[in-house]
């Protein structure tokens, strides 16, 4: 391929934190890109939007040991995201008033957490099973919605898209005492609501369509969320985290309910459906009316993600593949196959796993690196085209630009037979952030490129010189 010409010191990955007094440019509302439905489109610019970032369980509600008065530092969390150049989070909701993490598999010192606030007021006068006033499911708690609004506004000032998680289904299935602590348990509300229709002590029926009274309460809550944040342009919605497979009809109902609510509004937002644990099928997600989905490992999403075919925008989330896990190669593989990789990040370790675990720093770093490349490229024209590179990982606008990942091996064959003109050659080393520029090559024939780095795992960018985008 010719000798290397220059060595850069990095990819410009340092990022200044913008002043909170500056009004950011329009971010949405996002819609599925009409020319390349693997991505969303920013209507203000017409450009395809690539979403990637870390999320943590307690980024909306406080999750603290009993008696603790501390709260989550959301501004510090946003600083963390900006330093890593992330642009997306899931804003979590936990439905129960407590979370016992003792069966999670992570042996943290603290396993009992009080979770607050919640969407409804605790008015009493009777006491709930946790010793605090019972919920009135007809009265919303302003503090919950004020926090939701303020955190979304703070994220927008930092250029971060947010998916608002409306419901959470994993807890009722697997967390000890989750139903005992749920507002829809008859011992916890003054409204006579009992969501455990089959009396098995789990209450998962609340995420079906078993009781019209409960569905109406849930619809009223969703309507309140949309009234609270629906004017914001950086918002997405997620129906429920890892609900059980029998929740499909209920989730589809909620997707359609949101779309109908927003039909006459100035802004409409993407709605997502995520992996149903356990036993759910990815086909159910693809068959749904959701705009975006997050799959399970079925089909290779954990090891060798299949190329996105554009049926849905795919947010490939480690939460649904490992729980807590993932690695840097997976991030690059997902990006080069047309997906949007997300990381379930233990962050400060106050809920699960180690605080700021260095094992996961390569994952966080790679998310930001892929976003840097996405910002340089015309993603609307780029397709995952594995046959154009021998490594199998190639995002290409044939004849214009090729982004290639080498997970192993120092050489890659690139098919440039149908490409004319001269192409600039740039190598990137994810582990060290190093960039090296190679001698330009001519299209019209297959070309073999050899990585200049001593280790495996490299990224190759070929751009037609007459169309080359400027560096960030």
Protein backbone atom coordinates (compact mmCIF):
# COMPACT_ATOMS: atom_id res chain seq x y z
CA UNK A 1 0.00 0.00 0.00
CA UNK A 2 2.99 2.30 0.18
CA UNK A 3 4.85 3.86 3.08
CA UNK A 4 3.29 5.83 5.91
CA UNK A 5 3.52 9.57 5.50
CA UNK A 6 2.67 11.11 8.86
CA UNK A 7 1.74 10.18 12.39
CA UNK A 8 -0.90 12.17 14.22
CA UNK A 9 -1.07 12.45 17.99
CA UNK A 10 -4.72 11.46 18.24
CA UNK A 11 -8.20 11.78 16.80
CA UNK A 12 -9.18 14.96 18.61
CA UNK A 13 -10.92 12.94 21.32
CA UNK A 14 -10.51 15.58 23.99
CA UNK A 15 -13.78 17.46 24.25
CA UNK A 16 -14.41 20.78 25.91
CA UNK A 17 -17.47 20.86 28.12
CA UNK A 18 -19.85 23.46 26.67
CA UNK A 19 -21.08 26.30 28.79
CA UNK A 20 -24.50 25.62 30.23
CA UNK A 21 -25.46 29.14 29.23
CA UNK A 22 -25.12 28.41 25.54
CA UNK A 23 -28.20 27.34 23.63
CA UNK A 24 -27.33 24.17 21.70
CA UNK A 25 -28.31 23.72 18.09
CA UNK A 26 -31.52 21.81 17.27
CA UNK A 27 -31.24 18.09 17.96
CA UNK A 28 -34.53 16.79 16.64
CA UNK A 29 -37.15 15.61 17.12
CA UNK A 30 -35.64 12.53 15.55
CA UNK A 31 -37.39 10.46 12.93
CA UNK A 32 -36.28 7.38 11.04
CA UNK A 33 -34.03 8.51 8.18
CA UNK A 34 -35.96 8.14 4.92
CA UNK A 35 -32.91 7.22 2.83
CA UNK A 36 -31.12 5.03 5.38
CA UNK A 37 -33.50 3.68 8.04
CA UNK A 38 -30.65 2.23 10.08
CA UNK A 39 -30.33 5.72 11.55
CA UNK A 40 -32.48 8.55 12.75
CA UNK A 41 -32.52 11.93 11.04
CA UNK A 42 -32.06 15.37 12.56
CA UNK A 43 -34.73 17.41 10.75
CA UNK A 44 -32.79 20.65 11.25
CA UNK A 45 -29.77 19.41 9.32
CA UNK A 46 -31.12 16.43 7.36
CA UNK A 47 -28.13 14.44 8.59
CA UNK A 48 -28.22 10.88 9.85
CA UNK A 49 -27.78 10.62 13.63
CA UNK A 50 -25.68 7.92 15.29
CA UNK A 51 -26.52 7.29 18.96
CA UNK A 52 -24.11 5.79 21.45
CA UNK A 53 -23.42 6.08 25.17
CA UNK A 54 -23.43 4.71 28.71
CA UNK A 55 -26.37 4.50 31.07
CA UNK A 56 -26.74 3.59 34.76
CA UNK A 57 -29.69 2.41 36.83
CA UNK A 58 -29.96 5.37 39.22
CA UNK A 59 -29.72 8.25 36.74
CA UNK A 60 -33.33 9.35 37.37
CA UNK A 61 -34.51 7.97 40.70
CA UNK A 62 -32.35 7.92 43.81
CA UNK A 63 -31.27 4.42 44.84
CA UNK A 64 -29.78 4.66 48.31
CA UNK A 65 -29.38 2.42 51.38
CA UNK A 66 -32.07 2.88 54.04
CA UNK A 67 -31.35 5.99 56.09
CA UNK A 68 -29.05 7.57 53.53
CA UNK A 69 -29.68 11.18 52.56
CA UNK A 70 -27.30 11.41 49.61
CA UNK A 71 -28.50 11.77 46.03
CA UNK A 72 -27.17 11.10 42.55
CA UNK A 73 -24.94 13.87 41.16
CA UNK A 74 -26.47 14.18 37.71
CA UNK A 75 -24.22 17.04 36.63
CA UNK A 76 -21.12 14.98 37.43
CA UNK A 77 -22.63 12.10 35.45
CA UNK A 78 -23.14 14.39 32.46
CA UNK A 79 -19.53 15.54 32.78
CA UNK A 80 -18.49 11.89 32.66
CA UNK A 81 -20.50 11.32 29.49
CA UNK A 82 -19.14 14.44 27.80
CA UNK A 83 -15.54 13.51 28.65
CA UNK A 84 -16.10 10.20 26.88
CA UNK A 85 -17.88 11.92 23.97
CA UNK A 86 -21.15 10.03 24.40
CA UNK A 87 -24.40 11.42 23.01
CA UNK A 88 -27.13 9.09 24.33
CA UNK A 89 -28.46 7.65 27.59
CA UNK A 90 -31.38 5.58 28.75
CA UNK A 91 -33.03 7.37 31.68
CA UNK A 92 -34.02 4.52 33.95
CA UNK A 93 -37.20 3.94 35.89
CA UNK A 94 -37.52 1.40 38.70
CA UNK A 95 -41.18 0.66 39.54
CA UNK A 96 -40.82 -0.69 43.08
CA UNK A 97 -39.99 1.38 46.15
CA UNK A 98 -37.01 -0.83 46.95
CA UNK A 99 -34.41 -2.97 45.20
CA UNK A 100 -32.78 -5.98 46.81
CA UNK A 101 -29.75 -6.70 44.60
CA UNK A 102 -28.54 -9.72 46.59
CA UNK A 103 -29.48 -12.17 43.83
CA UNK A 104 -27.94 -10.14 41.02
CA UNK A 105 -24.65 -12.04 41.05
CA UNK A 106 -22.65 -8.98 42.09
CA UNK A 107 -21.45 -9.12 45.69
CA UNK A 108 -21.58 -5.46 46.59
CA UNK A 109 -21.37 -4.46 50.25
CA UNK A 110 -24.77 -2.75 50.00
CA UNK A 111 -27.63 -4.80 48.57
CA UNK A 112 -30.71 -3.04 49.96
CA UNK A 113 -31.81 0.20 48.28
CA UNK A 114 -34.69 2.59 48.78
CA UNK A 115 -35.91 3.95 45.43
CA UNK A 116 -37.58 7.37 45.08
CA UNK A 117 -39.32 9.44 43.82
CA UNK A 118 -42.19 7.73 42.00
CA UNK A 119 -44.88 9.08 39.67
CA UNK A 120 -47.63 9.10 42.32
CA UNK A 121 -48.02 10.89 45.62
CA UNK A 122 -47.71 8.99 48.89
CA UNK A 123 -50.68 10.56 50.62
CA UNK A 124 -51.72 7.94 53.16
CA UNK A 125 -53.22 8.16 55.67
CA UNK A 126 -52.67 4.41 55.90
CA UNK A 127 -49.12 3.08 55.79
CA UNK A 128 -47.79 0.93 52.95
CA UNK A 129 -45.86 -2.28 53.51
CA UNK A 130 -42.58 -0.35 53.63
CA UNK A 131 -43.82 1.76 56.56
CA UNK A 132 -44.33 4.93 54.54
CA UNK A 133 -47.69 6.45 53.46
CA UNK A 134 -49.65 4.57 50.81
CA UNK A 135 -49.80 5.80 47.22
CA UNK A 136 -52.79 7.55 45.72
CA UNK A 137 -52.68 6.36 42.11
CA UNK A 138 -54.93 9.20 41.00
CA UNK A 139 -52.51 11.94 42.13
CA UNK A 140 -49.15 12.56 40.48
CA UNK A 141 -46.10 13.52 42.50
CA UNK A 142 -44.79 16.81 41.06
CA UNK A 143 -41.26 16.08 42.30
CA UNK A 144 -40.96 13.08 39.98
CA UNK A 145 -41.97 14.99 36.88
CA UNK A 146 -40.00 18.09 37.84
CA UNK A 147 -36.90 15.93 38.15
CA UNK A 148 -37.65 14.21 34.85
CA UNK A 149 -37.94 17.58 33.12
CA UNK A 150 -34.87 19.13 34.73
CA UNK A 151 -32.62 16.17 33.97
CA UNK A 152 -33.75 16.06 30.37
CA UNK A 153 -33.08 19.78 30.03
CA UNK A 154 -29.62 19.36 31.58
CA UNK A 155 -28.81 16.54 29.16
CA UNK A 156 -29.96 18.62 26.21
CA UNK A 157 -27.62 21.45 27.19
CA UNK A 158 -24.80 18.95 26.85
CA UNK A 159 -25.95 17.61 23.48
CA UNK A 160 -27.09 14.25 24.85
CA UNK A 161 -30.16 12.42 23.52
CA UNK A 162 -32.28 10.71 26.17
CA UNK A 163 -34.56 7.72 25.98
CA UNK A 164 -37.16 7.94 28.75
CA UNK A 165 -37.86 4.49 30.16
CA UNK A 166 -41.58 4.43 30.94
CA UNK A 167 -41.85 1.04 32.65
CA UNK A 168 -39.49 -1.62 34.01
CA UNK A 169 -40.28 -5.34 33.82
CA UNK A 170 -37.17 -7.19 34.96
CA UNK A 171 -37.63 -6.33 38.61
CA UNK A 172 -41.04 -7.94 39.15
CA UNK A 173 -39.72 -11.17 37.66
CA UNK A 174 -36.39 -11.47 39.44
CA UNK A 175 -35.79 -8.99 42.28
CA UNK A 176 -36.75 -10.25 45.75
CA UNK A 177 -39.79 -8.51 47.26
CA UNK A 178 -40.30 -6.41 44.13
CA UNK A 179 -44.04 -7.04 44.14
CA UNK A 180 -44.33 -6.43 47.88
CA UNK A 181 -42.81 -3.00 47.27
CA UNK A 182 -44.78 -2.12 44.13
CA UNK A 183 -47.38 0.70 44.15
CA UNK A 184 -49.91 -1.62 42.49
CA UNK A 185 -49.73 -4.09 45.40
CA UNK A 186 -53.01 -3.82 47.36
CA UNK A 187 -51.09 -3.12 50.55
CA UNK A 188 -49.43 -0.06 49.02
CA UNK A 189 -52.23 2.05 47.54
CA UNK A 190 -55.50 3.61 48.73
CA UNK A 191 -57.29 2.92 45.44
CA UNK A 192 -58.12 -0.78 45.82
CA UNK A 193 -55.73 -1.76 43.02
CA UNK A 194 -54.31 -5.29 43.09
CA UNK A 195 -52.22 -6.13 40.05
CA UNK A 196 -51.57 -9.75 41.02
CA UNK A 197 -54.51 -11.25 39.16
CA UNK A 198 -53.34 -14.85 39.42
CA UNK A 199 -52.15 -14.52 43.04
CA UNK A 200 -48.67 -15.89 42.37
CA UNK A 201 -46.93 -13.13 44.31
CA UNK A 202 -45.25 -11.50 41.30
CA UNK A 203 -47.77 -9.12 39.78
CA UNK A 204 -46.36 -9.31 36.27
CA UNK A 205 -49.93 -9.10 34.97
CA UNK A 206 -49.75 -5.33 35.37
CA UNK A 207 -47.65 -5.39 32.18
CA UNK A 208 -50.28 -7.28 30.26
CA UNK A 209 -53.81 -6.03 29.63
CA UNK A 210 -55.38 -8.05 32.41
CA UNK A 211 -57.07 -5.21 34.34
CA UNK A 212 -58.54 -2.20 32.47
CA UNK A 213 -58.30 -0.07 35.61
CA UNK A 214 -54.53 -0.59 35.75
CA UNK A 215 -54.15 0.08 32.03
CA UNK A 216 -56.00 3.39 32.46
CA UNK A 217 -53.68 4.38 35.34
CA UNK A 218 -50.65 3.53 33.20
CA UNK A 219 -52.03 5.48 30.26
CA UNK A 220 -52.62 8.51 32.47
CA UNK A 221 -48.98 8.30 33.64
CA UNK A 222 -47.69 8.05 30.05
CA UNK A 223 -49.85 11.03 29.09
CA UNK A 224 -48.36 12.99 32.00
CA UNK A 225 -44.81 12.14 30.87
CA UNK A 226 -45.55 13.38 27.35
CA UNK A 227 -47.18 16.55 28.71
CA UNK A 228 -44.04 17.10 30.81
CA UNK A 229 -41.29 16.52 28.22
CA UNK A 230 -42.98 16.11 24.84
CA UNK A 231 -41.94 19.58 23.68
CA UNK A 232 -38.24 18.68 23.91
CA UNK A 233 -36.48 17.73 20.70
CA UNK A 234 -33.89 15.26 22.04
CA UNK A 235 -36.33 12.77 23.58
CA UNK A 236 -37.02 9.14 22.70
CA UNK A 237 -39.30 6.75 24.59
CA UNK A 238 -38.74 3.15 25.67
CA UNK A 239 -41.83 1.23 26.69
CA UNK A 240 -40.25 -1.14 29.20
CA UNK A 241 -36.94 -2.66 30.16
CA UNK A 242 -36.81 -6.46 29.79
CA UNK A 243 -40.45 -7.24 30.38
CA UNK A 244 -41.71 -10.81 30.10
CA UNK A 245 -42.81 -12.24 26.72
CA UNK A 246 -46.49 -12.15 27.68
CA UNK A 247 -46.21 -8.36 27.79
CA UNK A 248 -46.11 -8.10 23.98
CA UNK A 249 -49.75 -7.09 23.47
CA UNK A 250 -49.51 -4.53 26.30
CA UNK A 251 -46.28 -3.06 24.90
CA UNK A 252 -47.76 -2.79 21.40
CA UNK A 253 -50.78 -1.08 22.93
CA UNK A 254 -48.52 1.44 24.67
CA UNK A 255 -46.51 2.11 21.50
CA UNK A 256 -49.71 2.85 19.60
CA UNK A 257 -51.07 4.88 22.51
CA UNK A 258 -48.00 7.16 22.43
CA UNK A 259 -48.14 7.54 18.67
CA UNK A 260 -51.82 8.45 18.86
CA UNK A 261 -51.21 10.95 21.67
CA UNK A 262 -48.50 12.66 19.62
CA UNK A 263 -50.34 12.53 16.31
CA UNK A 264 -51.65 16.07 16.58
CA UNK A 265 -48.71 17.56 18.46
CA UNK A 266 -45.93 19.71 16.97
CA UNK A 267 -43.29 17.13 17.91
CA UNK A 268 -43.38 13.35 17.60
CA UNK A 269 -40.69 11.17 19.11
CA UNK A 270 -39.28 7.70 18.36
CA UNK A 271 -40.68 4.87 20.48
CA UNK A 272 -38.62 1.79 21.29
CA UNK A 273 -39.24 -1.80 22.36
CA UNK A 274 -36.42 -3.71 24.03
CA UNK A 275 -35.58 -7.36 24.59
CA UNK A 276 -38.16 -9.34 26.54
CA UNK A 277 -36.40 -11.31 29.26
CA UNK A 278 -36.50 -14.14 29.54
CA UNK A 279 -37.59 -16.18 26.57
CA UNK A 280 -38.42 -13.30 24.26
CA UNK A 281 -37.70 -13.38 20.54
CA UNK A 282 -36.01 -10.73 18.44
CA UNK A 283 -38.61 -11.40 15.77
CA UNK A 284 -41.25 -10.01 18.15
CA UNK A 285 -39.30 -6.75 18.25
CA UNK A 286 -38.97 -6.58 14.47
CA UNK A 287 -42.69 -7.31 14.08
CA UNK A 288 -43.70 -4.55 16.49
CA UNK A 289 -44.74 -0.99 15.55
CA UNK A 290 -41.69 0.36 17.45
CA UNK A 291 -39.32 2.75 15.67
CA UNK A 292 -36.25 1.32 17.38
CA UNK A 293 -35.39 -1.91 19.16
CA UNK A 294 -32.71 -3.49 21.36
CA UNK A 295 -32.21 -7.22 20.66
CA UNK A 296 -31.02 -10.21 22.67
CA UNK A 297 -27.92 -12.28 21.72
CA UNK A 298 -29.96 -14.41 19.29
CA UNK A 299 -28.50 -14.02 15.80
CA UNK A 300 -25.01 -13.02 16.92
CA UNK A 301 -25.60 -9.53 18.36
CA UNK A 302 -23.18 -10.34 21.18
CA UNK A 303 -20.26 -11.74 19.16
CA UNK A 304 -20.69 -11.08 15.44
CA UNK A 305 -23.61 -8.68 15.02
CA UNK A 306 -25.60 -9.25 11.85
CA UNK A 307 -25.72 -6.35 9.42
CA UNK A 308 -28.67 -4.07 10.06
CA UNK A 309 -31.10 -4.34 7.16
CA UNK A 310 -33.02 -1.17 7.96
CA UNK A 311 -36.22 -2.76 9.21
CA UNK A 312 -35.65 -1.02 12.55
CA UNK A 313 -33.12 1.33 14.07
CA UNK A 314 -31.15 -1.06 16.30
CA UNK A 315 -29.70 0.14 19.60
CA UNK A 316 -27.45 -2.80 20.46
CA UNK A 317 -27.25 -2.66 24.25
CA UNK A 318 -24.87 -4.63 26.48
CA UNK A 319 -27.64 -4.68 29.09
CA UNK A 320 -29.54 -7.22 27.00
CA UNK A 321 -26.45 -9.18 25.90
CA UNK A 322 -24.28 -9.50 29.02
CA UNK A 323 -26.16 -7.66 31.76
CA UNK A 324 -22.91 -6.02 32.82
CA UNK A 325 -20.23 -6.73 30.24
CA UNK A 326 -18.99 -6.01 26.79
CA UNK A 327 -15.69 -5.12 25.16
CA UNK A 328 -14.20 -2.63 22.75
CA UNK A 329 -14.22 -4.96 19.69
CA UNK A 330 -17.97 -5.47 20.17
CA UNK A 331 -18.46 -1.69 19.99
CA UNK A 332 -16.63 -1.44 16.67
CA UNK A 333 -18.31 -4.53 15.25
CA UNK A 334 -21.73 -3.11 16.12
CA UNK A 335 -20.95 0.28 14.60
CA UNK A 336 -19.58 -1.22 11.39
CA UNK A 337 -22.70 -3.38 11.03
CA UNK A 338 -25.00 -0.37 11.14
CA UNK A 339 -26.04 -0.55 14.81
CA UNK A 340 -25.91 1.95 17.69
CA UNK A 341 -23.94 0.37 20.59
CA UNK A 342 -24.97 1.19 24.18
CA UNK A 343 -23.23 0.25 27.42
CA UNK A 344 -24.89 -0.69 30.74
CA UNK A 345 -22.32 1.10 32.86
CA UNK A 346 -21.86 0.40 36.60
CA UNK A 347 -20.53 3.97 36.74
CA UNK A 348 -19.77 4.80 40.40
CA UNK A 349 -20.62 1.28 41.59
CA UNK A 350 -23.18 2.44 44.15
CA UNK A 351 -25.81 0.01 42.87
CA UNK A 352 -23.94 -2.88 41.22
CA UNK A 353 -20.34 -3.84 40.38
CA UNK A 354 -17.11 -1.91 40.96
CA UNK A 355 -16.93 1.91 40.84
CA UNK A 356 -15.44 3.18 37.57
CA UNK A 357 -14.17 -0.31 36.83
CA UNK A 358 -11.08 0.07 34.56
CA UNK A 359 -12.07 -3.17 32.82
CA UNK A 360 -14.82 -1.23 31.06
CA UNK A 361 -12.89 1.90 30.20
CA UNK A 362 -12.05 0.55 26.70
CA UNK A 363 -15.78 0.12 26.08
CA UNK A 364 -16.55 3.69 27.15
CA UNK A 365 -13.65 5.02 25.10
CA UNK A 366 -14.65 3.06 21.99
CA UNK A 367 -18.20 4.40 22.11
CA UNK A 368 -16.84 7.93 21.91
CA UNK A 369 -14.36 7.01 19.19
CA UNK A 370 -17.07 5.57 16.97
CA UNK A 371 -19.13 8.72 17.43
CA UNK A 372 -16.13 10.80 16.30
CA UNK A 373 -15.96 8.81 13.08
CA UNK A 374 -19.73 8.98 12.60
CA UNK A 375 -19.55 12.76 12.85
CA UNK A 376 -16.98 12.87 10.05
CA UNK A 377 -18.90 10.65 7.65
CA UNK A 378 -22.07 11.02 5.62
CA UNK A 379 -23.84 8.17 7.40
CA UNK A 380 -26.98 8.60 5.33
CA UNK A 381 -25.09 7.15 2.34
CA UNK A 382 -23.22 4.41 4.21
CA UNK A 383 -24.28 0.77 4.41
CA UNK A 384 -22.85 -2.22 6.26
CA UNK A 385 -21.23 -4.12 3.38
CA UNK A 386 -19.17 -7.01 4.73
CA UNK A 387 -18.18 -8.37 1.31
CA UNK A 388 -16.09 -5.30 0.49
CA UNK A 389 -13.47 -6.07 3.16
CA UNK A 390 -11.89 -9.40 4.03
CA UNK A 391 -12.28 -8.65 7.75
CA UNK A 392 -16.07 -8.67 7.25
CA UNK A 393 -16.59 -5.33 8.98
CA UNK A 394 -17.08 -2.49 6.53
CA UNK A 395 -19.40 0.51 6.56
CA UNK A 396 -19.27 1.92 3.07
CA UNK A 397 -20.56 4.47 0.65
CA UNK A 398 -19.11 2.57 -2.34
CA UNK A 399 -16.86 4.70 -4.45
CA UNK A 400 -16.81 7.46 -1.83
CA UNK A 401 -15.83 6.22 1.65
CA UNK A 402 -15.03 2.95 3.41
CA UNK A 403 -14.66 2.50 7.17
CA UNK A 404 -13.19 -0.91 7.98
CA UNK A 405 -12.49 -2.68 11.26
CA UNK A 406 -9.80 -5.31 11.71
CA UNK A 407 -10.60 -7.21 14.93
CA UNK A 408 -7.58 -9.45 14.35
CA UNK A 409 -4.81 -9.81 11.84
CA UNK A 410 -2.66 -7.03 10.43
CA UNK A 411 -3.84 -7.12 6.81
CA UNK A 412 -7.14 -6.58 5.06
CA UNK A 413 -8.16 -6.88 1.42
CA UNK A 414 -10.53 -4.16 0.23
CA UNK A 415 -12.59 -4.46 -2.94
CA UNK A 416 -12.15 -1.19 -4.88
CA UNK A 417 -12.85 -2.57 -8.36
CA UNK A 418 -15.95 -0.41 -8.81
CA UNK A 419 -14.31 2.67 -7.28
CA UNK A 420 -12.54 5.24 -9.39
CA UNK A 421 -10.22 8.03 -8.35
CA UNK A 422 -7.74 8.53 -5.54
CA UNK A 423 -8.45 7.58 -1.92
CA UNK A 424 -6.84 9.02 1.20
CA UNK A 425 -5.74 6.37 3.69
CA UNK A 426 -6.03 6.81 7.45
CA UNK A 427 -5.34 4.23 10.16
CA UNK A 428 -6.63 4.48 13.71
CA UNK A 429 -5.58 2.47 16.77
CA UNK A 430 -8.50 2.36 19.28
CA UNK A 431 -6.43 1.33 22.29
CA UNK A 432 -3.98 4.23 22.05
CA UNK A 433 -6.01 6.82 20.08
CA UNK A 434 -3.17 6.99 17.58
CA UNK A 435 -3.74 8.01 13.97
CA UNK A 436 -1.37 7.25 11.11
CA UNK A 437 -1.83 8.45 7.57
CA UNK A 438 -0.86 6.22 4.66
CA UNK A 439 0.02 6.93 1.09
CA UNK A 440 -3.02 7.49 -1.13
CA UNK A 441 -4.25 4.63 -3.32
CA UNK A 442 -6.06 4.44 -6.64
CA UNK A 443 -9.39 2.70 -7.08
CA UNK A 444 -10.21 0.27 -9.87
CA UNK A 445 -8.75 -2.92 -8.36
CA UNK A 446 -8.60 -4.88 -5.08
CA UNK A 447 -6.06 -3.43 -2.67
CA UNK A 448 -4.36 -5.08 0.31
CA UNK A 449 -3.69 -2.83 3.28
CA UNK A 450 -1.39 -3.70 6.16
CA UNK A 451 -1.89 -2.16 9.58
CA UNK A 452 1.01 -0.02 10.80
CA UNK A 453 0.33 -0.88 14.42
CA UNK A 454 2.17 -3.58 16.36
CA UNK A 455 -0.98 -5.00 17.90
CA UNK A 456 -4.10 -6.36 16.27
CA UNK A 457 -7.37 -4.39 16.38
CA UNK A 458 -7.22 -1.43 14.00
CA UNK A 459 -9.55 0.81 12.01
CA UNK A 460 -8.99 1.82 8.40
CA UNK A 461 -10.69 4.80 6.76
CA UNK A 462 -10.58 5.30 3.00
CA UNK A 463 -12.06 8.51 1.64
CA UNK A 464 -12.13 9.73 -1.92
CA UNK A 465 -9.82 12.72 -1.89
CA UNK A 466 -12.12 14.88 -3.98
CA UNK A 467 -14.89 14.35 -1.40
CA UNK A 468 -12.87 14.02 1.78
CA UNK A 469 -14.52 15.44 4.87
CA UNK A 470 -12.47 17.61 7.17
CA UNK A 471 -11.10 16.24 10.40
CA UNK A 472 -13.11 17.01 13.52
